C-alpha atoms as a PDB file:
ATOM      1  CA  UNK A   1     -15.644  47.247  43.053  1.00  0.00           C
ATOM      2  CA  UNK A   2     -18.223  45.062  44.822  1.00  0.00           C
ATOM      3  CA  UNK A   3     -20.988  46.224  42.464  1.00  0.00           C
ATOM      4  CA  UNK A   4     -18.812  45.481  39.403  1.00  0.00           C
ATOM      5  CA  UNK A   5     -17.908  42.050  40.780  1.00  0.00           C
ATOM      6  CA  UNK A   6     -21.549  41.268  41.490  1.00  0.00           C
ATOM      7  CA  UNK A   7     -22.500  42.261  37.964  1.00  0.00           C
ATOM      8  CA  UNK A   8     -19.754  40.006  36.604  1.00  0.00           C
ATOM      9  CA  UNK A   9     -20.988  37.061  38.659  1.00  0.00           C
ATOM     10  CA  UNK A  10     -24.582  37.658  37.546  1.00  0.00           C
ATOM     11  CA  UNK A  11     -23.502  37.862  33.895  1.00  0.00           C
ATOM     12  CA  UNK A  12     -21.489  34.637  34.239  1.00  0.00           C
ATOM     13  CA  UNK A  13     -24.420  32.873  35.900  1.00  0.00           C
ATOM     14  CA  UNK A  14     -26.809  34.012  33.158  1.00  0.00           C
ATOM     15  CA  UNK A  15     -24.370  32.833  30.466  1.00  0.00           C
ATOM     16  CA  UNK A  16     -24.006  29.435  32.162  1.00  0.00           C
ATOM     17  CA  UNK A  17     -27.778  29.071  32.483  1.00  0.00           C
ATOM     18  CA  UNK A  18     -28.247  30.070  28.843  1.00  0.00           C
ATOM     19  CA  UNK A  19     -25.564  27.567  27.743  1.00  0.00           C
ATOM     20  CA  UNK A  20     -27.133  24.834  29.851  1.00  0.00           C
ATOM     21  CA  UNK A  21     -30.610  25.623  28.590  1.00  0.00           C
ATOM     22  CA  UNK A  22     -29.450  25.565  24.992  1.00  0.00           C
ATOM     23  CA  UNK A  23     -27.927  22.123  25.421  1.00  0.00           C
ATOM     24  CA  UNK A  24     -30.923  20.926  27.421  1.00  0.00           C
ATOM     25  CA  UNK A  25     -33.040  21.571  24.319  1.00  0.00           C
ATOM     26  CA  UNK A  26     -30.717  19.450  22.151  1.00  0.00           C
ATOM     27  CA  UNK A  27     -31.811  15.903  21.518  1.00  0.00           C
ATOM     28  CA  UNK A  28     -29.381  13.214  22.677  1.00  0.00           C
ATOM     29  CA  UNK A  29     -27.395  11.797  19.759  1.00  0.00           C
ATOM     30  CA  UNK A  30     -25.560   8.470  19.666  1.00  0.00           C
ATOM     31  CA  UNK A  31     -22.747   8.153  17.136  1.00  0.00           C
ATOM     32  CA  UNK A  32     -20.983   4.997  15.960  1.00  0.00           C
ATOM     33  CA  UNK A  33     -17.253   5.424  15.345  1.00  0.00           C
ATOM     34  CA  UNK A  34     -15.657   2.807  13.088  1.00  0.00           C
ATOM     35  CA  UNK A  35     -11.991   1.807  13.322  1.00  0.00           C
ATOM     36  CA  UNK A  36     -10.514  -1.128  11.451  1.00  0.00           C
ATOM     37  CA  UNK A  37      -7.328  -1.530  13.536  1.00  0.00           C
ATOM     38  CA  UNK A  38      -7.304  -4.060  16.422  1.00  0.00           C
ATOM     39  CA  UNK A  39      -8.836  -3.034  19.740  1.00  0.00           C
ATOM     40  CA  UNK A  40      -5.402  -2.791  21.396  1.00  0.00           C
ATOM     41  CA  UNK A  41      -3.977  -0.447  18.716  1.00  0.00           C
ATOM     42  CA  UNK A  42      -2.660   2.907  19.959  1.00  0.00           C
ATOM     43  CA  UNK A  43      -5.003   4.819  17.664  1.00  0.00           C
ATOM     44  CA  UNK A  44      -8.172   3.629  19.380  1.00  0.00           C
ATOM     45  CA  UNK A  45      -7.576   5.297  22.782  1.00  0.00           C
ATOM     46  CA  UNK A  46      -6.903   8.562  20.942  1.00  0.00           C
ATOM     47  CA  UNK A  47     -10.213   8.258  19.077  1.00  0.00           C
ATOM     48  CA  UNK A  48     -12.012   7.392  22.325  1.00  0.00           C
ATOM     49  CA  UNK A  49     -10.473  10.454  24.000  1.00  0.00           C
ATOM     50  CA  UNK A  50     -11.669  12.516  21.047  1.00  0.00           C
ATOM     51  CA  UNK A  51     -15.180  11.103  21.535  1.00  0.00           C
ATOM     52  CA  UNK A  52     -15.182  11.882  25.260  1.00  0.00           C
ATOM     53  CA  UNK A  53     -14.042  15.429  24.583  1.00  0.00           C
ATOM     54  CA  UNK A  54     -16.779  15.812  21.980  1.00  0.00           C
ATOM     55  CA  UNK A  55     -19.337  14.626  24.526  1.00  0.00           C
ATOM     56  CA  UNK A  56     -18.176  17.237  27.017  1.00  0.00           C
ATOM     57  CA  UNK A  57     -18.201  19.992  24.393  1.00  0.00           C
ATOM     58  CA  UNK A  58     -21.768  19.088  23.422  1.00  0.00           C
ATOM     59  CA  UNK A  59     -22.971  19.352  27.017  1.00  0.00           C
ATOM     60  CA  UNK A  60     -23.292  15.586  27.177  1.00  0.00           C
ATOM     61  CA  UNK A  61     -25.739  15.398  24.267  1.00  0.00           C
ATOM     62  CA  UNK A  62     -23.434  13.561  21.831  1.00  0.00           C
ATOM     63  CA  UNK A  63     -22.323  10.127  22.993  1.00  0.00           C
ATOM     64  CA  UNK A  64     -19.836   8.123  20.938  1.00  0.00           C
ATOM     65  CA  UNK A  65     -19.163   4.391  20.846  1.00  0.00           C
ATOM     66  CA  UNK A  66     -16.044   3.055  19.138  1.00  0.00           C
ATOM     67  CA  UNK A  67     -16.217  -0.135  17.076  1.00  0.00           C
ATOM     68  CA  UNK A  68     -12.642  -1.339  16.386  1.00  0.00           C
ATOM     69  CA  UNK A  69     -11.325  -4.455  14.633  1.00  0.00           C
ATOM     70  CA  UNK A  70     -13.494  -4.123  11.500  1.00  0.00           C
ATOM     71  CA  UNK A  71     -16.661  -4.762  13.522  1.00  0.00           C
ATOM     72  CA  UNK A  72     -18.764  -2.560  11.242  1.00  0.00           C
ATOM     73  CA  UNK A  73     -17.018  -3.485   7.985  1.00  0.00           C
ATOM     74  CA  UNK A  74     -13.745  -4.195   6.203  1.00  0.00           C
ATOM     75  CA  UNK A  75     -10.887  -1.690   6.235  1.00  0.00           C
ATOM     76  CA  UNK A  76     -11.272  -1.006   2.495  1.00  0.00           C
ATOM     77  CA  UNK A  77     -14.929  -0.012   3.016  1.00  0.00           C
ATOM     78  CA  UNK A  78     -14.657   2.546   5.819  1.00  0.00           C
ATOM     79  CA  UNK A  79     -15.047   5.622   3.602  1.00  0.00           C
ATOM     80  CA  UNK A  80     -18.199   4.265   2.005  1.00  0.00           C
ATOM     81  CA  UNK A  81     -19.477   3.163   5.411  1.00  0.00           C
ATOM     82  CA  UNK A  82     -19.421   6.817   6.542  1.00  0.00           C
ATOM     83  CA  UNK A  83     -20.975   7.921   3.265  1.00  0.00           C
ATOM     84  CA  UNK A  84     -23.802   5.395   3.558  1.00  0.00           C
ATOM     85  CA  UNK A  85     -24.461   5.796   7.290  1.00  0.00           C
ATOM     86  CA  UNK A  86     -23.254   2.345   8.342  1.00  0.00           C
ATOM     87  CA  UNK A  87     -20.956   4.320  10.620  1.00  0.00           C
ATOM     88  CA  UNK A  88     -21.323   7.920  11.761  1.00  0.00           C
ATOM     89  CA  UNK A  89     -17.563   8.496  11.912  1.00  0.00           C
ATOM     90  CA  UNK A  90     -14.971   6.409  10.082  1.00  0.00           C
ATOM     91  CA  UNK A  91     -11.222   6.078  10.235  1.00  0.00           C
ATOM     92  CA  UNK A  92     -10.203   5.843   6.578  1.00  0.00           C
ATOM     93  CA  UNK A  93      -7.066   5.003   4.628  1.00  0.00           C
ATOM     94  CA  UNK A  94      -7.872   6.733   1.294  1.00  0.00           C
ATOM     95  CA  UNK A  95      -4.887   4.978  -0.276  1.00  0.00           C
ATOM     96  CA  UNK A  96      -6.746   1.680  -0.101  1.00  0.00           C
ATOM     97  CA  UNK A  97      -8.780   2.869  -3.105  1.00  0.00           C
ATOM     98  CA  UNK A  98      -6.376   3.629  -5.967  1.00  0.00           C
ATOM     99  CA  UNK A  99      -7.200   6.691  -8.042  1.00  0.00           C
ATOM    100  CA  UNK A 100     -10.179   7.795  -5.993  1.00  0.00           C
ATOM    101  CA  UNK A 101      -8.480  10.588  -4.032  1.00  0.00           C
ATOM    102  CA  UNK A 102      -5.535  11.784  -6.142  1.00  0.00           C
ATOM    103  CA  UNK A 103      -5.016  15.126  -4.394  1.00  0.00           C
ATOM    104  CA  UNK A 104      -4.765  13.531  -0.962  1.00  0.00           C
ATOM    105  CA  UNK A 105      -2.264  11.033  -2.376  1.00  0.00           C
ATOM    106  CA  UNK A 106       0.409  13.758  -2.357  1.00  0.00           C
ATOM    107  CA  UNK A 107       0.879  13.082   1.349  1.00  0.00           C
ATOM    108  CA  UNK A 108       1.766   9.448   0.663  1.00  0.00           C
ATOM    109  CA  UNK A 109       4.508  10.163  -1.883  1.00  0.00           C
ATOM    110  CA  UNK A 110       7.906   8.867  -0.686  1.00  0.00           C
ATOM    111  CA  UNK A 111      10.348  11.090   1.202  1.00  0.00           C
ATOM    112  CA  UNK A 112       7.849  13.879   1.957  1.00  0.00           C
ATOM    113  CA  UNK A 113       7.057  13.788   5.691  1.00  0.00           C
ATOM    114  CA  UNK A 114       9.639  13.192   8.413  1.00  0.00           C
ATOM    115  CA  UNK A 115       7.373  12.831  11.455  1.00  0.00           C
ATOM    116  CA  UNK A 116       3.719  12.225  12.218  1.00  0.00           C
ATOM    117  CA  UNK A 117       3.259  14.704  15.045  1.00  0.00           C
ATOM    118  CA  UNK A 118       3.668  18.100  13.396  1.00  0.00           C
ATOM    119  CA  UNK A 119       3.276  16.282  10.077  1.00  0.00           C
ATOM    120  CA  UNK A 120      -0.331  15.403  10.882  1.00  0.00           C
ATOM    121  CA  UNK A 121      -1.165  19.073  11.479  1.00  0.00           C
ATOM    122  CA  UNK A 122       0.638  20.000   8.250  1.00  0.00           C
ATOM    123  CA  UNK A 123      -1.282  17.446   6.173  1.00  0.00           C
ATOM    124  CA  UNK A 124      -4.582  18.496   7.709  1.00  0.00           C
ATOM    125  CA  UNK A 125      -4.034  22.237   7.288  1.00  0.00           C
ATOM    126  CA  UNK A 126      -3.125  21.734   3.624  1.00  0.00           C
ATOM    127  CA  UNK A 127      -5.888  19.281   2.719  1.00  0.00           C
ATOM    128  CA  UNK A 128      -8.683  21.427   4.157  1.00  0.00           C
ATOM    129  CA  UNK A 129      -8.428  23.438   0.929  1.00  0.00           C
ATOM    130  CA  UNK A 130      -9.471  20.375  -1.102  1.00  0.00           C
ATOM    131  CA  UNK A 131     -11.447  18.028   1.157  1.00  0.00           C
ATOM    132  CA  UNK A 132     -14.881  19.523   0.479  1.00  0.00           C
ATOM    133  CA  UNK A 133     -14.442  18.810  -3.241  1.00  0.00           C
ATOM    134  CA  UNK A 134     -12.505  15.544  -3.248  1.00  0.00           C
ATOM    135  CA  UNK A 135     -14.428  13.974  -0.368  1.00  0.00           C
ATOM    136  CA  UNK A 136     -17.743  15.735  -0.904  1.00  0.00           C
ATOM    137  CA  UNK A 137     -19.928  12.730  -0.036  1.00  0.00           C
ATOM    138  CA  UNK A 138     -18.767  12.779   3.605  1.00  0.00           C
ATOM    139  CA  UNK A 139     -18.229  15.499   6.191  1.00  0.00           C
ATOM    140  CA  UNK A 140     -14.440  15.891   6.493  1.00  0.00           C
ATOM    141  CA  UNK A 141     -13.254  16.152  10.083  1.00  0.00           C
ATOM    142  CA  UNK A 142      -9.460  15.966   9.973  1.00  0.00           C
ATOM    143  CA  UNK A 143      -6.487  14.252   8.357  1.00  0.00           C
ATOM    144  CA  UNK A 144      -3.469  12.749  10.094  1.00  0.00           C
ATOM    145  CA  UNK A 145      -0.655  10.259   9.478  1.00  0.00           C
ATOM    146  CA  UNK A 146       1.250   7.468  11.143  1.00  0.00           C
ATOM    147  CA  UNK A 147       4.956   7.902  11.842  1.00  0.00           C
ATOM    148  CA  UNK A 148       7.196   7.158   8.838  1.00  0.00           C
ATOM    149  CA  UNK A 149       7.189   3.550   7.665  1.00  0.00           C
ATOM    150  CA  UNK A 150       9.757   1.549   5.745  1.00  0.00           C
ATOM    151  CA  UNK A 151      10.396  -1.684   3.861  1.00  0.00           C
ATOM    152  CA  UNK A 152      10.255  -4.861   5.959  1.00  0.00           C
ATOM    153  CA  UNK A 153      11.098  -8.010   4.069  1.00  0.00           C
ATOM    154  CA  UNK A 154      12.027 -11.673   3.991  1.00  0.00           C
ATOM    155  CA  UNK A 155      15.162 -10.866   1.995  1.00  0.00           C
ATOM    156  CA  UNK A 156      17.318  -7.768   2.300  1.00  0.00           C
ATOM    157  CA  UNK A 157      16.427  -4.729   0.191  1.00  0.00           C
ATOM    158  CA  UNK A 158      19.183  -2.131  -0.217  1.00  0.00           C
ATOM    159  CA  UNK A 159      18.844  -0.559  -3.659  1.00  0.00           C
ATOM    160  CA  UNK A 160      15.702   0.244  -5.656  1.00  0.00           C
ATOM    161  CA  UNK A 161      16.838  -2.327  -8.235  1.00  0.00           C
ATOM    162  CA  UNK A 162      16.310  -5.018  -5.562  1.00  0.00           C
ATOM    163  CA  UNK A 163      12.537  -4.532  -5.899  1.00  0.00           C
ATOM    164  CA  UNK A 164      12.538  -5.860  -9.470  1.00  0.00           C
ATOM    165  CA  UNK A 165      10.671  -9.169  -9.550  1.00  0.00           C
ATOM    166  CA  UNK A 166       9.604  -8.945  -5.889  1.00  0.00           C
ATOM    167  CA  UNK A 167       6.032  -9.266  -4.623  1.00  0.00           C
ATOM    168  CA  UNK A 168       5.339  -6.391  -2.241  1.00  0.00           C
ATOM    169  CA  UNK A 169       2.320  -5.405  -0.193  1.00  0.00           C
ATOM    170  CA  UNK A 170       2.222  -1.582  -0.491  1.00  0.00           C
ATOM    171  CA  UNK A 171       0.810   0.650   2.219  1.00  0.00           C
ATOM    172  CA  UNK A 172      -1.084   2.868  -0.212  1.00  0.00           C
ATOM    173  CA  UNK A 173      -1.908   3.094  -3.900  1.00  0.00           C
ATOM    174  CA  UNK A 174       0.871   5.691  -4.258  1.00  0.00           C
ATOM    175  CA  UNK A 175       3.451   3.329  -2.791  1.00  0.00           C
ATOM    176  CA  UNK A 176       1.967   0.681  -5.088  1.00  0.00           C
ATOM    177  CA  UNK A 177       2.783   2.880  -8.079  1.00  0.00           C
ATOM    178  CA  UNK A 178       6.364   3.074  -6.829  1.00  0.00           C
ATOM    179  CA  UNK A 179       6.572  -0.718  -6.584  1.00  0.00           C
ATOM    180  CA  UNK A 180       5.324  -1.049 -10.175  1.00  0.00           C
ATOM    181  CA  UNK A 181       7.738   1.653 -11.300  1.00  0.00           C
ATOM    182  CA  UNK A 182      10.633  -0.348  -9.820  1.00  0.00           C
ATOM    183  CA  UNK A 183       9.585  -3.580 -11.505  1.00  0.00           C
ATOM    184  CA  UNK A 184       7.883  -5.227  -8.553  1.00  0.00           C
ATOM    185  CA  UNK A 185       4.432  -6.775  -8.260  1.00  0.00           C
ATOM    186  CA  UNK A 186       1.823  -5.377  -5.891  1.00  0.00           C
ATOM    187  CA  UNK A 187      -0.035  -7.700  -3.559  1.00  0.00           C
ATOM    188  CA  UNK A 188      -3.155  -5.939  -2.283  1.00  0.00           C
ATOM    189  CA  UNK A 189      -4.046  -6.675   1.335  1.00  0.00           C
ATOM    190  CA  UNK A 190      -5.371  -4.630   4.232  1.00  0.00           C
ATOM    191  CA  UNK A 191      -3.213  -4.369   7.340  1.00  0.00           C
ATOM    192  CA  UNK A 192      -5.103  -7.134   9.203  1.00  0.00           C
ATOM    193  CA  UNK A 193      -4.620  -9.493   6.238  1.00  0.00           C
ATOM    194  CA  UNK A 194      -0.932  -8.773   5.640  1.00  0.00           C
ATOM    195  CA  UNK A 195       0.727 -11.293   7.946  1.00  0.00           C
ATOM    196  CA  UNK A 196      -1.071 -14.158   6.237  1.00  0.00           C
ATOM    197  CA  UNK A 197       0.044 -12.927   2.810  1.00  0.00           C
ATOM    198  CA  UNK A 198       3.677 -12.851   3.902  1.00  0.00           C
ATOM    199  CA  UNK A 199       3.494 -16.121   5.796  1.00  0.00           C
ATOM    200  CA  UNK A 200       2.128 -17.949   2.749  1.00  0.00           C
ATOM    201  CA  UNK A 201       4.739 -16.387   0.469  1.00  0.00           C
ATOM    202  CA  UNK A 202       2.127 -14.474  -1.536  1.00  0.00           C
ATOM    203  CA  UNK A 203       4.182 -11.370  -0.652  1.00  0.00           C
ATOM    204  CA  UNK A 204       7.910 -11.119   0.117  1.00  0.00           C
ATOM    205  CA  UNK A 205       8.001  -7.602   1.530  1.00  0.00           C
ATOM    206  CA  UNK A 206       5.742  -4.960   2.993  1.00  0.00           C
ATOM    207  CA  UNK A 207       5.819  -1.219   3.632  1.00  0.00           C
ATOM    208  CA  UNK A 208       4.628  -0.653   7.189  1.00  0.00           C
ATOM    209  CA  UNK A 209       5.232   1.500  10.293  1.00  0.00           C
ATOM    210  CA  UNK A 210       7.356   0.025  13.063  1.00  0.00           C
ATOM    211  CA  UNK A 211       5.131  -0.453  16.100  1.00  0.00           C
ATOM    212  CA  UNK A 212       2.195  -1.747  14.103  1.00  0.00           C
ATOM    213  CA  UNK A 213       4.500  -4.373  12.591  1.00  0.00           C
ATOM    214  CA  UNK A 214       4.540  -6.161  15.951  1.00  0.00           C
ATOM    215  CA  UNK A 215       0.885  -5.470  16.722  1.00  0.00           C
ATOM    216  CA  UNK A 216      -0.257  -7.199  13.540  1.00  0.00           C
ATOM    217  CA  UNK A 217       2.259 -10.038  14.027  1.00  0.00           C
ATOM    218  CA  UNK A 218       4.118  -9.172  10.837  1.00  0.00           C
ATOM    219  CA  UNK A 219       7.438  -9.121  12.711  1.00  0.00           C
ATOM    220  CA  UNK A 220       7.096 -12.894  12.996  1.00  0.00           C
ATOM    221  CA  UNK A 221       7.378 -13.359   9.229  1.00  0.00           C
ATOM    222  CA  UNK A 222       9.958 -10.728   8.179  1.00  0.00           C
ATOM    223  CA  UNK A 223      13.591 -10.359   9.257  1.00  0.00           C
ATOM    224  CA  UNK A 224      15.056  -7.399   7.371  1.00  0.00           C
ATOM    225  CA  UNK A 225      14.113  -3.775   8.052  1.00  0.00           C
ATOM    226  CA  UNK A 226      15.296  -0.775   6.042  1.00  0.00           C
ATOM    227  CA  UNK A 227      15.771   1.986   8.622  1.00  0.00           C
ATOM    228  CA  UNK A 228      14.786   5.026   6.575  1.00  0.00           C
ATOM    229  CA  UNK A 229      11.655   7.255   6.722  1.00  0.00           C
ATOM    230  CA  UNK A 230      10.429   6.093   3.319  1.00  0.00           C
ATOM    231  CA  UNK A 231       6.799   7.231   3.502  1.00  0.00           C
ATOM    232  CA  UNK A 232       3.861   7.994   5.755  1.00  0.00           C
ATOM    233  CA  UNK A 233       0.330   6.772   5.274  1.00  0.00           C
ATOM    234  CA  UNK A 234      -2.120   9.671   5.575  1.00  0.00           C
ATOM    235  CA  UNK A 235      -5.602   8.971   6.940  1.00  0.00           C
ATOM    236  CA  UNK A 236      -8.843  10.867   7.376  1.00  0.00           C
ATOM    237  CA  UNK A 237     -11.486  10.937  10.093  1.00  0.00           C
ATOM    238  CA  UNK A 238     -14.803  11.598   8.355  1.00  0.00           C
ATOM    239  CA  UNK A 239     -18.472  11.846   9.311  1.00  0.00           C
ATOM    240  CA  UNK A 240     -21.735  10.914   7.629  1.00  0.00           C
ATOM    241  CA  UNK A 241     -23.195  14.038   6.006  1.00  0.00           C
ATOM    242  CA  UNK A 242     -26.798  13.376   7.038  1.00  0.00           C
ATOM    243  CA  UNK A 243     -25.755  12.787  10.649  1.00  0.00           C
ATOM    244  CA  UNK A 244     -23.907  16.092  10.746  1.00  0.00           C
ATOM    245  CA  UNK A 245     -26.732  18.019   9.081  1.00  0.00           C
ATOM    246  CA  UNK A 246     -29.270  16.640  11.571  1.00  0.00           C
ATOM    247  CA  UNK A 247     -27.355  18.044  14.566  1.00  0.00           C
ATOM    248  CA  UNK A 248     -28.454  21.199  16.370  1.00  0.00           C
ATOM    249  CA  UNK A 249     -26.423  24.380  15.956  1.00  0.00           C
ATOM    250  CA  UNK A 250     -24.763  23.796  19.336  1.00  0.00           C
ATOM    251  CA  UNK A 251     -23.924  20.203  18.476  1.00  0.00           C
ATOM    252  CA  UNK A 252     -22.488  21.213  15.112  1.00  0.00           C
ATOM    253  CA  UNK A 253     -20.346  23.770  16.912  1.00  0.00           C
ATOM    254  CA  UNK A 254     -19.043  21.021  19.211  1.00  0.00           C
ATOM    255  CA  UNK A 255     -18.181  18.804  16.240  1.00  0.00           C
ATOM    256  CA  UNK A 256     -16.525  21.689  14.396  1.00  0.00           C
ATOM    257  CA  UNK A 257     -14.355  22.422  17.423  1.00  0.00           C
ATOM    258  CA  UNK A 258     -13.115  18.821  17.253  1.00  0.00           C
ATOM    259  CA  UNK A 259     -12.448  18.813  13.514  1.00  0.00           C
ATOM    260  CA  UNK A 260      -9.290  20.911  13.537  1.00  0.00           C
ATOM    261  CA  UNK A 261      -5.567  20.717  12.788  1.00  0.00           C
ATOM    262  CA  UNK A 262      -4.948  20.746  16.544  1.00  0.00           C
ATOM    263  CA  UNK A 263      -6.964  17.559  16.947  1.00  0.00           C
ATOM    264  CA  UNK A 264      -5.214  16.071  13.917  1.00  0.00           C
ATOM    265  CA  UNK A 265      -1.897  16.565  15.687  1.00  0.00           C
ATOM    266  CA  UNK A 266      -3.211  15.145  18.972  1.00  0.00           C
ATOM    267  CA  UNK A 267      -4.435  11.959  17.322  1.00  0.00           C
ATOM    268  CA  UNK A 268      -1.327  11.637  15.148  1.00  0.00           C
ATOM    269  CA  UNK A 269       0.980  12.177  18.125  1.00  0.00           C
ATOM    270  CA  UNK A 270      -0.630   9.469  20.239  1.00  0.00           C
ATOM    271  CA  UNK A 271      -0.067   6.953  17.468  1.00  0.00           C
ATOM    272  CA  UNK A 272       3.433   8.248  16.648  1.00  0.00           C
ATOM    273  CA  UNK A 273       4.697   7.497  20.161  1.00  0.00           C
ATOM    274  CA  UNK A 274       3.581   3.895  19.723  1.00  0.00           C
ATOM    275  CA  UNK A 275       5.350   3.523  16.363  1.00  0.00           C
ATOM    276  CA  UNK A 276       8.543   5.110  17.680  1.00  0.00           C
ATOM    277  CA  UNK A 277       8.642   2.662  20.590  1.00  0.00           C
ATOM    278  CA  UNK A 278       8.193  -0.184  18.097  1.00  0.00           C
ATOM    279  CA  UNK A 279      11.241   0.989  16.184  1.00  0.00           C
ATOM    280  CA  UNK A 280      13.275   0.968  19.388  1.00  0.00           C
ATOM    281  CA  UNK A 281      12.114  -2.563  20.192  1.00  0.00           C
ATOM    282  CA  UNK A 282      12.962  -4.015  16.793  1.00  0.00           C
ATOM    283  CA  UNK A 283      16.319  -2.233  16.739  1.00  0.00           C
ATOM    284  CA  UNK A 284      17.280  -4.036  19.951  1.00  0.00           C
ATOM    285  CA  UNK A 285      16.270  -7.498  18.686  1.00  0.00           C
ATOM    286  CA  UNK A 286      19.424  -9.509  17.820  1.00  0.00           C
ATOM    287  CA  UNK A 287      17.434 -11.940  15.658  1.00  0.00           C
ATOM    288  CA  UNK A 288      16.697  -9.408  12.936  1.00  0.00           C
ATOM    289  CA  UNK A 289      18.654  -6.968  10.790  1.00  0.00           C
ATOM    290  CA  UNK A 290      17.748  -3.282  10.998  1.00  0.00           C
ATOM    291  CA  UNK A 291      20.000  -1.366   8.613  1.00  0.00           C
ATOM    292  CA  UNK A 292      20.632   2.194   7.474  1.00  0.00           C
ATOM    293  CA  UNK A 293      21.279   3.310   3.906  1.00  0.00           C
ATOM    294  CA  UNK A 294      24.430   5.112   2.816  1.00  0.00           C
ATOM    295  CA  UNK A 295      24.000   8.613   1.342  1.00  0.00           C
ATOM    296  CA  UNK A 296      24.576   7.190  -2.155  1.00  0.00           C
ATOM    297  CA  UNK A 297      21.989   4.466  -1.622  1.00  0.00           C
ATOM    298  CA  UNK A 298      19.468   7.001  -0.328  1.00  0.00           C
ATOM    299  CA  UNK A 299      20.054   9.246  -3.342  1.00  0.00           C
ATOM    300  CA  UNK A 300      19.521   6.250  -5.634  1.00  0.00           C
ATOM    301  CA  UNK A 301      16.132   5.679  -3.992  1.00  0.00           C
ATOM    302  CA  UNK A 302      15.091   9.312  -4.304  1.00  0.00           C
ATOM    303  CA  UNK A 303      16.005   9.392  -7.983  1.00  0.00           C
ATOM    304  CA  UNK A 304      14.264   6.069  -8.648  1.00  0.00           C
ATOM    305  CA  UNK A 305      10.953   7.136  -7.081  1.00  0.00           C
ATOM    306  CA  UNK A 306      10.882  10.635  -8.610  1.00  0.00           C
ATOM    307  CA  UNK A 307       8.614   9.534 -11.512  1.00  0.00           C
ATOM    308  CA  UNK A 308       5.909   8.728  -8.937  1.00  0.00           C
ATOM    309  CA  UNK A 309       5.392  12.450  -8.411  1.00  0.00           C
ATOM    310  CA  UNK A 310       5.098  12.920 -12.176  1.00  0.00           C
ATOM    311  CA  UNK A 311       2.373  10.268 -12.254  1.00  0.00           C
ATOM    312  CA  UNK A 312       0.675  11.865  -9.245  1.00  0.00           C
ATOM    313  CA  UNK A 313       0.676  15.235 -11.034  1.00  0.00           C
ATOM    314  CA  UNK A 314      -0.942  13.697 -14.106  1.00  0.00           C
ATOM    315  CA  UNK A 315      -3.662  12.120 -11.953  1.00  0.00           C
ATOM    316  CA  UNK A 316      -4.372  15.435 -10.225  1.00  0.00           C
ATOM    317  CA  UNK A 317      -4.530  17.268 -13.545  1.00  0.00           C
ATOM    318  CA  UNK A 318      -7.146  14.786 -14.802  1.00  0.00           C
ATOM    319  CA  UNK A 319      -9.319  15.842 -11.861  1.00  0.00           C
ATOM    320  CA  UNK A 320      -9.130  19.489 -12.947  1.00  0.00           C
ATOM    321  CA  UNK A 321      -6.648  20.714 -10.333  1.00  0.00           C
ATOM    322  CA  UNK A 322      -3.260  22.368 -10.825  1.00  0.00           C
ATOM    323  CA  UNK A 323      -0.689  19.865  -9.473  1.00  0.00           C
ATOM    324  CA  UNK A 324       2.009  22.529  -9.151  1.00  0.00           C
ATOM    325  CA  UNK A 325      -0.203  24.672  -6.916  1.00  0.00           C
ATOM    326  CA  UNK A 326      -1.328  21.628  -4.925  1.00  0.00           C
ATOM    327  CA  UNK A 327       2.235  20.425  -4.332  1.00  0.00           C
ATOM    328  CA  UNK A 328       3.560  23.898  -3.526  1.00  0.00           C
ATOM    329  CA  UNK A 329       0.804  24.310  -0.956  1.00  0.00           C
ATOM    330  CA  UNK A 330       1.623  20.946   0.581  1.00  0.00           C
ATOM    331  CA  UNK A 331       5.358  21.688   0.828  1.00  0.00           C
ATOM    332  CA  UNK A 332       4.659  25.121   2.298  1.00  0.00           C
ATOM    333  CA  UNK A 333       2.484  23.521   4.975  1.00  0.00           C
ATOM    334  CA  UNK A 334       5.197  20.964   5.762  1.00  0.00           C
ATOM    335  CA  UNK A 335       7.740  23.792   6.051  1.00  0.00           C
ATOM    336  CA  UNK A 336       5.422  25.802   8.301  1.00  0.00           C
ATOM    337  CA  UNK A 337       5.011  22.843  10.658  1.00  0.00           C
ATOM    338  CA  UNK A 338       8.680  21.813  10.356  1.00  0.00           C
ATOM    339  CA  UNK A 339       7.817  18.311   9.209  1.00  0.00           C
ATOM    340  CA  UNK A 340       9.204  18.050   5.658  1.00  0.00           C
ATOM    341  CA  UNK A 341      12.114  15.901   4.504  1.00  0.00           C
END
């Protein structure tokens, strides 16, 4: 027994020395992580925790610095920033660029995802089948979503017919298609710009998650809140291709171990808790109206937005993919992770 134990200890020591030596040969790498949400946003600590874990997994050879609040560039530009090496990792809302990522847009169709925790893992697991093709000019790490958002407005919205003639800031290009479908006008603005648009009357309503509404100060300029999980905004965390390719084998392994559905769920869950608490806060505020929809009203919404999926399917088909197969795969992933509507 003592001989066997000694052999085990020797083998463990050799493995540790080999691991340490391998990392000692790796050149130190500094990576810039770009985030366009404000420094105090709940997403940023989750990304920082991801960076610290990556550092540990790389034996301390990869060090990450987070640049929040659009320090490295505007929210709309974060995908191209990762592509061009302005950032090494970028937090991206693909829906900010209409038509560019039609497959991924499935996750932003209304009434698809009921929560961002398991839902983030479901979106990520599904999209891994398509990311290398649709986002080929970056290194895909993972996809995730915020907790379901809703309509927040300066006048009450109950039925889809209420959107006709309204100016709405949509969360994504897919939601924008829905607004157009319902007879509304889209007002394009990134999240940091949205309060100003509403305050000046350029927009009358917005689709947004609940906690972030307060963080961006949008709660100060809207009073009515439709309490229904209308949509989620799916995001991606992507890396510059050249930066990834220049890493050592050990460093690539560390990155790969942090580009998983498990990490997608961790990051999505940290943000979801923040949005859920925001919903609770607004619900308790007597100076605003947070209202549910009746079953008939909800059915009217689902019927009214159904053509958005038809349009999505046409966009996917133009890119050479089978929309039926894509959607079936997405719904199967949502069912597997118990996160579908």
